Each structure stands twice: as C-alpha cells, then as structure tokens.
C-alpha cells in the first residue's frame, strides 16, 4: 500500500467546541468501520495525517488527541494523527500585537505549519520573503513547514506555470534544506472549484520533486475529495494531499484517511 500524507486545512471553520466534537465523531466513525473491515486499520497505520485548525482551536485538538491524565501521551487510536497550524508569525516574541510566534505554537504540540497558502498571499499580501522567513522560524522552533506553491489561471494560460512555480520554490527555500520541509502544489485556479487532472498535478509535482533533488514529500491541494483521491494518489510523484472542504466532516475525512492505493 502506498503511504500518503494527508493534511486537513480547516481554514476559518469550526469553533473550539466543534473541534472537540469532530474528533469524537472521527473516533466513533473509525472504530465502527474497523469493526466491519479490519483492513482499515492497515491504512490508518500506513498513512500519516494532520489537522490544521485556526490558532484558537489547537488546544482543543491537543485535549482530544492526547490522554486527559497525560497531555504528552497520545491516545493509541490517534497515533498517526498530528496537530498542524494554518500559519505562524514572521516575528519572534515581542511587541507584535496579534501575532502568534512559532515557539508558542510548538508548545501546544504542533508538528506542522502551513506557510504561504494562496489565501494568505492574496488577502494578507504575503510575499516569498515572508514565506521564507516564516519557514525558518518554524524550523527553528522544531516544527515542519508545509510550503504552498501555485499559479493563477492567467499564469497557466500564458504558459508560465513552470516558471512561476520554480521562482516561488527557489525564493521560499532560500537557505533551507528541502529535506526539512514538505511542499504542497496548489494551483490557485483549482482551489474550491475543480481539481487539476491527475496528469496535470503529477507533472507539476514531478517538476518540484526534481528541483528539490527528490529530498522532500510533494503534496497536491485543490478540490481533493473521495471521488478523485485514488486517481490522484496513484500518480507516482504525488505523496499526499492538502485538503479543504472535504475534511470538515468526520465521515468524509475518514473516507480520505482510510484510502487504499495499492502499489505493484
């Protein structure tokens, strides 16, 4: 079975209480499915998955994924499920009102940090320099950056996709060892609308893989759901997924994280 890395990006969804209920629901769904089909356990043990919540809900995940009597001991049913953050401050501790520095996020048990998502670039005017700075802060705090790259529909139609992605890649990874990060290719035109074809996604992930000397996992994001995850996941250069809307319900997220992609 092919190992996948599957990360849920909840964006600005779910309250603290809803986050706790989601984990409870997910536990119940997975338990029921494993009773009916024991092979599901193999998928859960093979894949690695994470949930990226808004900052305020990270403690809710910590409470639900770990034993109440020992918040450093993960519950066995969630041994492969990790906490992720959707962003991190480019600054350290200090007079930066509203910012959440990397060391604070790490202290809550966070393993992964999404950096450079197209919505951060668009609505918060984040550029490659900021992405690079945030990635370095994340690494310094002992977490793993998940750096997002992607082109607009205008750039794709102009035949500039490869040029845009390589430029983003080189600037974002300046002075960073690619072996210490994950890269997520998210074509902006595919987010929340229609996914890139498996061949389109695979071709771009291959370019990213070759440009990083095959040192880091390459994910695909952009309208991934149960209907297309097997075809996308079967592509040789796609190592996993960054998933938005399809990760918001326990049932659909369970479908995704128990996906079986057989290898020859």
C-alpha atoms as a PDB file:
ATOM      1  CA  UNK A   1       0.000   0.000   0.000  1.00  0.00           C
ATOM      2  CA  UNK A   2       1.296   3.455  -0.903  1.00  0.00           C
ATOM      3  CA  UNK A   3       1.910   5.685   2.106  1.00  0.00           C
ATOM      4  CA  UNK A   4       0.158   9.060   1.887  1.00  0.00           C
ATOM      5  CA  UNK A   5       0.482  12.230   3.912  1.00  0.00           C
ATOM      6  CA  UNK A   6      -2.999  13.754   4.282  1.00  0.00           C
ATOM      7  CA  UNK A   7      -3.473  17.156   5.886  1.00  0.00           C
ATOM      8  CA  UNK A   8      -6.836  18.792   6.575  1.00  0.00           C
ATOM      9  CA  UNK A   9      -6.884  22.574   6.228  1.00  0.00           C
ATOM     10  CA  UNK A  10      -9.984  23.816   8.014  1.00  0.00           C
ATOM     11  CA  UNK A  11      -9.348  27.467   7.162  1.00  0.00           C
ATOM     12  CA  UNK A  12     -11.726  29.728   9.160  1.00  0.00           C
ATOM     13  CA  UNK A  13     -14.119  26.939  10.117  1.00  0.00           C
ATOM     14  CA  UNK A  14     -15.151  25.322  13.420  1.00  0.00           C
ATOM     15  CA  UNK A  15     -15.263  26.628  16.963  1.00  0.00           C
ATOM     16  CA  UNK A  16     -13.328  25.174  19.904  1.00  0.00           C
ATOM     17  CA  UNK A  17     -16.349  23.039  20.857  1.00  0.00           C
ATOM     18  CA  UNK A  18     -16.962  21.918  17.277  1.00  0.00           C
ATOM     19  CA  UNK A  19     -13.338  20.845  17.018  1.00  0.00           C
ATOM     20  CA  UNK A  20     -13.710  18.612  20.067  1.00  0.00           C
ATOM     21  CA  UNK A  21     -16.939  17.142  18.706  1.00  0.00           C
ATOM     22  CA  UNK A  22     -15.257  16.455  15.352  1.00  0.00           C
ATOM     23  CA  UNK A  23     -12.518  14.372  16.982  1.00  0.00           C
ATOM     24  CA  UNK A  24     -15.109  12.450  18.990  1.00  0.00           C
ATOM     25  CA  UNK A  25     -17.109  11.805  15.823  1.00  0.00           C
ATOM     26  CA  UNK A  26     -13.988  10.752  13.930  1.00  0.00           C
ATOM     27  CA  UNK A  27     -13.069   8.282  16.652  1.00  0.00           C
ATOM     28  CA  UNK A  28     -16.562   6.764  16.540  1.00  0.00           C
ATOM     29  CA  UNK A  29     -16.603   6.536  12.741  1.00  0.00           C
ATOM     30  CA  UNK A  30     -13.188   4.883  12.552  1.00  0.00           C
ATOM     31  CA  UNK A  31     -13.989   2.439  15.351  1.00  0.00           C
ATOM     32  CA  UNK A  32     -17.228   1.384  13.639  1.00  0.00           C
ATOM     33  CA  UNK A  33     -15.521   0.940  10.284  1.00  0.00           C
ATOM     34  CA  UNK A  34     -12.689  -1.116  11.740  1.00  0.00           C
ATOM     35  CA  UNK A  35     -15.230  -3.471  13.314  1.00  0.00           C
ATOM     36  CA  UNK A  36     -16.751  -4.048   9.878  1.00  0.00           C
ATOM     37  CA  UNK A  37     -13.477  -4.107   7.945  1.00  0.00           C
ATOM     38  CA  UNK A  38     -10.280  -4.829   9.921  1.00  0.00           C
ATOM     39  CA  UNK A  39      -8.140  -3.934   6.890  1.00  0.00           C
ATOM     40  CA  UNK A  40      -8.963  -0.265   7.502  1.00  0.00           C
ATOM     41  CA  UNK A  41      -6.542  -0.376  10.407  1.00  0.00           C
ATOM     42  CA  UNK A  42      -3.726  -1.063   7.950  1.00  0.00           C
ATOM     43  CA  UNK A  43      -4.469   2.171   6.086  1.00  0.00           C
ATOM     44  CA  UNK A  44      -4.529   4.154   9.327  1.00  0.00           C
ATOM     45  CA  UNK A  45      -1.201   2.648  10.335  1.00  0.00           C
ATOM     46  CA  UNK A  46       0.328   3.290   6.907  1.00  0.00           C
ATOM     47  CA  UNK A  47      -0.689   6.892   6.280  1.00  0.00           C
ATOM     48  CA  UNK A  48       0.293   9.971   8.243  1.00  0.00           C
ATOM     49  CA  UNK A  49      -2.331  12.649   8.663  1.00  0.00           C
ATOM     50  CA  UNK A  50      -2.799  16.002  10.339  1.00  0.00           C
ATOM     51  CA  UNK A  51      -5.442  18.629  11.011  1.00  0.00           C
ATOM     52  CA  UNK A  52      -4.636  22.320  10.610  1.00  0.00           C
ATOM     53  CA  UNK A  53      -7.055  24.374  12.692  1.00  0.00           C
ATOM     54  CA  UNK A  54      -7.254  28.084  13.456  1.00  0.00           C
ATOM     55  CA  UNK A  55      -4.800  29.022  16.236  1.00  0.00           C
ATOM     56  CA  UNK A  56      -7.509  29.196  18.887  1.00  0.00           C
ATOM     57  CA  UNK A  57      -8.550  25.570  18.321  1.00  0.00           C
ATOM     58  CA  UNK A  58      -5.120  23.955  18.546  1.00  0.00           C
ATOM     59  CA  UNK A  59      -5.604  23.349  22.313  1.00  0.00           C
ATOM     60  CA  UNK A  60      -8.884  21.554  21.534  1.00  0.00           C
ATOM     61  CA  UNK A  61      -7.010  19.105  19.313  1.00  0.00           C
ATOM     62  CA  UNK A  62      -4.360  18.653  21.994  1.00  0.00           C
ATOM     63  CA  UNK A  63      -7.018  17.822  24.577  1.00  0.00           C
ATOM     64  CA  UNK A  64      -8.827  15.348  22.335  1.00  0.00           C
ATOM     65  CA  UNK A  65      -5.827  13.583  20.768  1.00  0.00           C
ATOM     66  CA  UNK A  66      -3.931  13.046  23.998  1.00  0.00           C
ATOM     67  CA  UNK A  67      -4.784  11.296  27.254  1.00  0.00           C
ATOM     68  CA  UNK A  68      -6.543  13.607  29.681  1.00  0.00           C
ATOM     69  CA  UNK A  69      -4.294  12.438  32.501  1.00  0.00           C
ATOM     70  CA  UNK A  70      -1.124  12.995  30.466  1.00  0.00           C
ATOM     71  CA  UNK A  71      -1.110  15.564  27.660  1.00  0.00           C
ATOM     72  CA  UNK A  72       2.256  14.224  26.488  1.00  0.00           C
ATOM     73  CA  UNK A  73       0.859  10.736  25.801  1.00  0.00           C
ATOM     74  CA  UNK A  74      -1.165  10.377  22.618  1.00  0.00           C
ATOM     75  CA  UNK A  75      -4.239   8.162  22.570  1.00  0.00           C
ATOM     76  CA  UNK A  76      -3.388   4.955  20.677  1.00  0.00           C
ATOM     77  CA  UNK A  77      -6.195   5.349  18.143  1.00  0.00           C
ATOM     78  CA  UNK A  78      -4.683   8.663  17.019  1.00  0.00           C
ATOM     79  CA  UNK A  79      -1.002   7.717  16.959  1.00  0.00           C
ATOM     80  CA  UNK A  80      -0.652   8.795  13.293  1.00  0.00           C
ATOM     81  CA  UNK A  81      -2.784  11.963  13.577  1.00  0.00           C
ATOM     82  CA  UNK A  82      -0.853  15.171  14.226  1.00  0.00           C
ATOM     83  CA  UNK A  83      -1.628  18.782  15.041  1.00  0.00           C
ATOM     84  CA  UNK A  84      -0.935  21.442  12.418  1.00  0.00           C
ATOM     85  CA  UNK A  85      -1.223  25.208  12.299  1.00  0.00           C
ATOM     86  CA  UNK A  86      -2.509  27.217   9.341  1.00  0.00           C
ATOM     87  CA  UNK A  87       0.050  29.978   9.773  1.00  0.00           C
ATOM     88  CA  UNK A  88       2.796  31.360  12.005  1.00  0.00           C
ATOM     89  CA  UNK A  89       4.187  34.800  12.756  1.00  0.00           C
ATOM     90  CA  UNK A  90       7.263  36.018  10.924  1.00  0.00           C
ATOM     91  CA  UNK A  91       8.361  37.582  14.234  1.00  0.00           C
ATOM     92  CA  UNK A  92       9.725  36.249  17.498  1.00  0.00           C
ATOM     93  CA  UNK A  93       8.497  37.130  20.984  1.00  0.00           C
ATOM     94  CA  UNK A  94       7.952  40.852  21.497  1.00  0.00           C
ATOM     95  CA  UNK A  95       5.697  43.816  20.788  1.00  0.00           C
ATOM     96  CA  UNK A  96       3.809  42.319  17.848  1.00  0.00           C
ATOM     97  CA  UNK A  97       0.123  42.640  18.695  1.00  0.00           C
ATOM     98  CA  UNK A  98      -1.998  39.866  17.223  1.00  0.00           C
ATOM     99  CA  UNK A  99       0.931  37.699  16.138  1.00  0.00           C
ATOM    100  CA  UNK A 100       1.462  34.104  17.274  1.00  0.00           C
ATOM    101  CA  UNK A 101       5.181  33.210  17.252  1.00  0.00           C
ATOM    102  CA  UNK A 102       6.416  29.753  16.329  1.00  0.00           C
ATOM    103  CA  UNK A 103       7.563  28.789  19.831  1.00  0.00           C
ATOM    104  CA  UNK A 104       4.025  29.347  21.186  1.00  0.00           C
ATOM    105  CA  UNK A 105       2.513  27.100  18.521  1.00  0.00           C
ATOM    106  CA  UNK A 106       5.118  24.411  19.102  1.00  0.00           C
ATOM    107  CA  UNK A 107       4.448  24.450  22.841  1.00  0.00           C
ATOM    108  CA  UNK A 108       0.897  23.242  22.130  1.00  0.00           C
ATOM    109  CA  UNK A 109       2.165  20.064  20.498  1.00  0.00           C
ATOM    110  CA  UNK A 110       2.033  21.282  16.899  1.00  0.00           C
ATOM    111  CA  UNK A 111       4.134  19.328  14.394  1.00  0.00           C
ATOM    112  CA  UNK A 112       3.338  21.008  11.058  1.00  0.00           C
ATOM    113  CA  UNK A 113       2.765  24.594   9.920  1.00  0.00           C
ATOM    114  CA  UNK A 114       1.156  25.602   6.623  1.00  0.00           C
ATOM    115  CA  UNK A 115       3.069  28.521   5.120  1.00  0.00           C
ATOM    116  CA  UNK A 116       2.376  30.595   2.016  1.00  0.00           C
ATOM    117  CA  UNK A 117      -1.142  29.391   1.277  1.00  0.00           C
ATOM    118  CA  UNK A 118      -2.602  31.325  -1.650  1.00  0.00           C
ATOM    119  CA  UNK A 119      -5.244  32.871   0.614  1.00  0.00           C
ATOM    120  CA  UNK A 120      -2.502  34.275   2.857  1.00  0.00           C
ATOM    121  CA  UNK A 121      -0.685  35.597  -0.192  1.00  0.00           C
ATOM    122  CA  UNK A 122      -3.846  37.143  -1.629  1.00  0.00           C
ATOM    123  CA  UNK A 123      -5.648  38.556   1.405  1.00  0.00           C
ATOM    124  CA  UNK A 124      -2.633  39.307   3.619  1.00  0.00           C
ATOM    125  CA  UNK A 125      -0.197  40.264   0.867  1.00  0.00           C
ATOM    126  CA  UNK A 126       2.410  37.724   1.905  1.00  0.00           C
ATOM    127  CA  UNK A 127       5.353  37.515  -0.467  1.00  0.00           C
ATOM    128  CA  UNK A 128       8.139  34.971  -0.930  1.00  0.00           C
ATOM    129  CA  UNK A 129      10.421  36.786   1.525  1.00  0.00           C
ATOM    130  CA  UNK A 130       7.790  36.476   4.265  1.00  0.00           C
ATOM    131  CA  UNK A 131       7.186  32.824   3.362  1.00  0.00           C
ATOM    132  CA  UNK A 132      10.908  32.127   3.622  1.00  0.00           C
ATOM    133  CA  UNK A 133      11.152  33.940   6.963  1.00  0.00           C
ATOM    134  CA  UNK A 134       8.183  32.033   8.397  1.00  0.00           C
ATOM    135  CA  UNK A 135       9.624  28.726   7.229  1.00  0.00           C
ATOM    136  CA  UNK A 136      12.887  29.473   9.026  1.00  0.00           C
ATOM    137  CA  UNK A 137      11.043  30.455  12.226  1.00  0.00           C
ATOM    138  CA  UNK A 138       9.059  27.221  12.025  1.00  0.00           C
ATOM    139  CA  UNK A 139      12.172  25.097  11.639  1.00  0.00           C
ATOM    140  CA  UNK A 140      13.958  26.931  14.454  1.00  0.00           C
ATOM    141  CA  UNK A 141      11.052  26.053  16.759  1.00  0.00           C
ATOM    142  CA  UNK A 142      11.312  22.361  15.885  1.00  0.00           C
ATOM    143  CA  UNK A 143       8.294  22.096  13.581  1.00  0.00           C
ATOM    144  CA  UNK A 144       7.948  21.167   9.906  1.00  0.00           C
ATOM    145  CA  UNK A 145       6.881  23.779   7.322  1.00  0.00           C
ATOM    146  CA  UNK A 146       4.360  22.826   4.656  1.00  0.00           C
ATOM    147  CA  UNK A 147       5.136  25.397   1.976  1.00  0.00           C
ATOM    148  CA  UNK A 148       2.386  26.078  -0.563  1.00  0.00           C
ATOM    149  CA  UNK A 149       3.076  26.966  -4.186  1.00  0.00           C
ATOM    150  CA  UNK A 150       0.669  27.620  -7.027  1.00  0.00           C
ATOM    151  CA  UNK A 151      -0.084  29.557 -10.171  1.00  0.00           C
ATOM    152  CA  UNK A 152      -3.118  31.588 -11.224  1.00  0.00           C
ATOM    153  CA  UNK A 153      -5.262  30.669 -14.216  1.00  0.00           C
ATOM    154  CA  UNK A 154      -3.787  33.650 -16.076  1.00  0.00           C
ATOM    155  CA  UNK A 155      -0.251  32.389 -15.490  1.00  0.00           C
ATOM    156  CA  UNK A 156      -1.208  28.888 -16.607  1.00  0.00           C
ATOM    157  CA  UNK A 157      -2.915  30.153 -19.775  1.00  0.00           C
ATOM    158  CA  UNK A 158       0.178  32.221 -20.550  1.00  0.00           C
ATOM    159  CA  UNK A 159       2.335  29.107 -20.337  1.00  0.00           C
ATOM    160  CA  UNK A 160       4.212  30.390 -17.281  1.00  0.00           C
ATOM    161  CA  UNK A 161       3.290  27.678 -14.781  1.00  0.00           C
ATOM    162  CA  UNK A 162       6.738  26.076 -14.551  1.00  0.00           C
ATOM    163  CA  UNK A 163       8.483  29.451 -14.405  1.00  0.00           C
ATOM    164  CA  UNK A 164       6.197  30.698 -11.615  1.00  0.00           C
ATOM    165  CA  UNK A 165       6.487  27.538  -9.517  1.00  0.00           C
ATOM    166  CA  UNK A 166      10.276  27.336  -9.768  1.00  0.00           C
ATOM    167  CA  UNK A 167      10.626  31.006  -8.804  1.00  0.00           C
ATOM    168  CA  UNK A 168       8.335  30.505  -5.795  1.00  0.00           C
ATOM    169  CA  UNK A 169      10.230  27.359  -4.862  1.00  0.00           C
ATOM    170  CA  UNK A 170      13.696  28.902  -5.064  1.00  0.00           C
ATOM    171  CA  UNK A 171      12.753  32.022  -3.089  1.00  0.00           C
ATOM    172  CA  UNK A 172      10.722  30.199  -0.450  1.00  0.00           C
ATOM    173  CA  UNK A 173      13.516  27.680   0.162  1.00  0.00           C
ATOM    174  CA  UNK A 174      16.412  30.160   0.197  1.00  0.00           C
ATOM    175  CA  UNK A 175      18.987  28.869   2.723  1.00  0.00           C
ATOM    176  CA  UNK A 176      16.656  25.995   3.714  1.00  0.00           C
ATOM    177  CA  UNK A 177      17.376  22.286   3.277  1.00  0.00           C
ATOM    178  CA  UNK A 178      14.452  20.838   1.246  1.00  0.00           C
ATOM    179  CA  UNK A 179      14.748  17.629   3.266  1.00  0.00           C
ATOM    180  CA  UNK A 180      13.325  19.500   6.265  1.00  0.00           C
ATOM    181  CA  UNK A 181      10.068  20.660   4.650  1.00  0.00           C
ATOM    182  CA  UNK A 182       7.001  19.464   2.773  1.00  0.00           C
ATOM    183  CA  UNK A 183       5.895  21.182  -0.419  1.00  0.00           C
ATOM    184  CA  UNK A 184       2.251  21.446  -1.438  1.00  0.00           C
ATOM    185  CA  UNK A 185       1.417  22.277  -5.035  1.00  0.00           C
ATOM    186  CA  UNK A 186      -1.929  24.083  -5.026  1.00  0.00           C
ATOM    187  CA  UNK A 187      -2.913  25.629  -8.351  1.00  0.00           C
ATOM    188  CA  UNK A 188      -4.931  28.672  -7.326  1.00  0.00           C
ATOM    189  CA  UNK A 189      -7.470  28.066 -10.076  1.00  0.00           C
ATOM    190  CA  UNK A 190      -8.276  24.606  -8.654  1.00  0.00           C
ATOM    191  CA  UNK A 191      -8.956  25.566  -5.031  1.00  0.00           C
ATOM    192  CA  UNK A 192     -12.626  25.107  -4.168  1.00  0.00           C
ATOM    193  CA  UNK A 193     -13.638  24.653  -7.810  1.00  0.00           C
ATOM    194  CA  UNK A 194     -12.335  21.753  -9.867  1.00  0.00           C
ATOM    195  CA  UNK A 195      -9.204  19.741  -9.264  1.00  0.00           C
ATOM    196  CA  UNK A 196      -6.336  19.662 -11.682  1.00  0.00           C
ATOM    197  CA  UNK A 197      -6.328  16.465 -13.690  1.00  0.00           C
ATOM    198  CA  UNK A 198      -4.159  13.696 -12.223  1.00  0.00           C
ATOM    199  CA  UNK A 199      -1.749  14.179 -15.121  1.00  0.00           C
ATOM    200  CA  UNK A 200      -1.524  17.965 -14.608  1.00  0.00           C
ATOM    201  CA  UNK A 201      -0.965  17.597 -10.875  1.00  0.00           C
ATOM    202  CA  UNK A 202       1.589  14.820 -11.324  1.00  0.00           C
ATOM    203  CA  UNK A 203       3.568  16.786 -13.916  1.00  0.00           C
ATOM    204  CA  UNK A 204       3.956  19.792 -11.615  1.00  0.00           C
ATOM    205  CA  UNK A 205       4.770  17.643  -8.594  1.00  0.00           C
ATOM    206  CA  UNK A 206       7.456  15.969 -10.697  1.00  0.00           C
ATOM    207  CA  UNK A 207       8.993  19.361 -11.517  1.00  0.00           C
ATOM    208  CA  UNK A 208       9.017  20.268  -7.821  1.00  0.00           C
ATOM    209  CA  UNK A 209      10.491  16.888  -6.892  1.00  0.00           C
ATOM    210  CA  UNK A 210      13.282  17.202  -9.454  1.00  0.00           C
ATOM    211  CA  UNK A 211      14.065  20.784  -8.424  1.00  0.00           C
ATOM    212  CA  UNK A 212      14.435  19.708  -4.789  1.00  0.00           C
ATOM    213  CA  UNK A 213      16.576  16.672  -5.700  1.00  0.00           C
ATOM    214  CA  UNK A 214      13.824  14.338  -4.507  1.00  0.00           C
ATOM    215  CA  UNK A 215      14.518  15.374  -0.909  1.00  0.00           C
ATOM    216  CA  UNK A 216      11.022  16.258   0.317  1.00  0.00           C
ATOM    217  CA  UNK A 217       7.482  14.894   0.028  1.00  0.00           C
ATOM    218  CA  UNK A 218       5.348  16.740  -2.522  1.00  0.00           C
ATOM    219  CA  UNK A 219       1.640  17.108  -1.835  1.00  0.00           C
ATOM    220  CA  UNK A 220      -1.211  18.220  -4.069  1.00  0.00           C
ATOM    221  CA  UNK A 221      -4.031  20.502  -2.953  1.00  0.00           C
ATOM    222  CA  UNK A 222      -7.058  21.767  -4.836  1.00  0.00           C
ATOM    223  CA  UNK A 223     -10.548  20.260  -4.646  1.00  0.00           C
ATOM    224  CA  UNK A 224      -9.381  16.839  -3.450  1.00  0.00           C
ATOM    225  CA  UNK A 225     -12.267  14.590  -2.404  1.00  0.00           C
ATOM    226  CA  UNK A 226     -13.234  10.939  -2.184  1.00  0.00           C
ATOM    227  CA  UNK A 227     -14.169  10.834  -5.876  1.00  0.00           C
ATOM    228  CA  UNK A 228     -10.678  11.735  -7.122  1.00  0.00           C
ATOM    229  CA  UNK A 229      -8.221  10.885  -4.340  1.00  0.00           C
ATOM    230  CA  UNK A 230      -7.417   7.395  -5.657  1.00  0.00           C
ATOM    231  CA  UNK A 231      -6.643   8.596  -9.189  1.00  0.00           C
ATOM    232  CA  UNK A 232      -4.559  11.494  -7.860  1.00  0.00           C
ATOM    233  CA  UNK A 233      -2.851   9.346  -5.240  1.00  0.00           C
ATOM    234  CA  UNK A 234      -1.935   6.729  -7.824  1.00  0.00           C
ATOM    235  CA  UNK A 235       0.272   9.257  -9.612  1.00  0.00           C
ATOM    236  CA  UNK A 236       3.956   8.459  -8.948  1.00  0.00           C
ATOM    237  CA  UNK A 237       5.029  11.987  -7.991  1.00  0.00           C
ATOM    238  CA  UNK A 238       2.163  12.819  -5.599  1.00  0.00           C
ATOM    239  CA  UNK A 239       2.975  11.886  -1.999  1.00  0.00           C
ATOM    240  CA  UNK A 240      -0.175  13.178  -0.333  1.00  0.00           C
ATOM    241  CA  UNK A 241      -2.743  15.921  -0.104  1.00  0.00           C
ATOM    242  CA  UNK A 242      -3.699  19.221   1.487  1.00  0.00           C
ATOM    243  CA  UNK A 243      -7.485  19.039   1.721  1.00  0.00           C
ATOM    244  CA  UNK A 244     -10.012  21.779   2.443  1.00  0.00           C
ATOM    245  CA  UNK A 245     -13.783  21.345   2.298  1.00  0.00           C
ATOM    246  CA  UNK A 246     -13.784  17.542   2.169  1.00  0.00           C
ATOM    247  CA  UNK A 247     -12.035  17.424   5.555  1.00  0.00           C
ATOM    248  CA  UNK A 248     -14.695  19.320   7.502  1.00  0.00           C
ATOM    249  CA  UNK A 249     -16.955  16.339   8.234  1.00  0.00           C
ATOM    250  CA  UNK A 250     -15.802  13.299  10.172  1.00  0.00           C
ATOM    251  CA  UNK A 251     -17.346  10.852   7.688  1.00  0.00           C
ATOM    252  CA  UNK A 252     -15.685  12.359   4.615  1.00  0.00           C
ATOM    253  CA  UNK A 253     -12.349  12.844   6.386  1.00  0.00           C
ATOM    254  CA  UNK A 254     -12.477   9.194   7.459  1.00  0.00           C
ATOM    255  CA  UNK A 255     -13.049   8.232   3.814  1.00  0.00           C
ATOM    256  CA  UNK A 256      -9.901  10.106   2.828  1.00  0.00           C
ATOM    257  CA  UNK A 257      -7.543   8.888   5.531  1.00  0.00           C
ATOM    258  CA  UNK A 258      -8.504   5.250   5.013  1.00  0.00           C
ATOM    259  CA  UNK A 259      -7.854   5.373   1.268  1.00  0.00           C
ATOM    260  CA  UNK A 260      -6.032   2.301  -0.027  1.00  0.00           C
ATOM    261  CA  UNK A 261      -3.756   2.782  -3.023  1.00  0.00           C
ATOM    262  CA  UNK A 262      -2.065  -0.474  -3.908  1.00  0.00           C
ATOM    263  CA  UNK A 263       1.439  -0.468  -5.357  1.00  0.00           C
ATOM    264  CA  UNK A 264       2.885  -3.037  -7.718  1.00  0.00           C
END
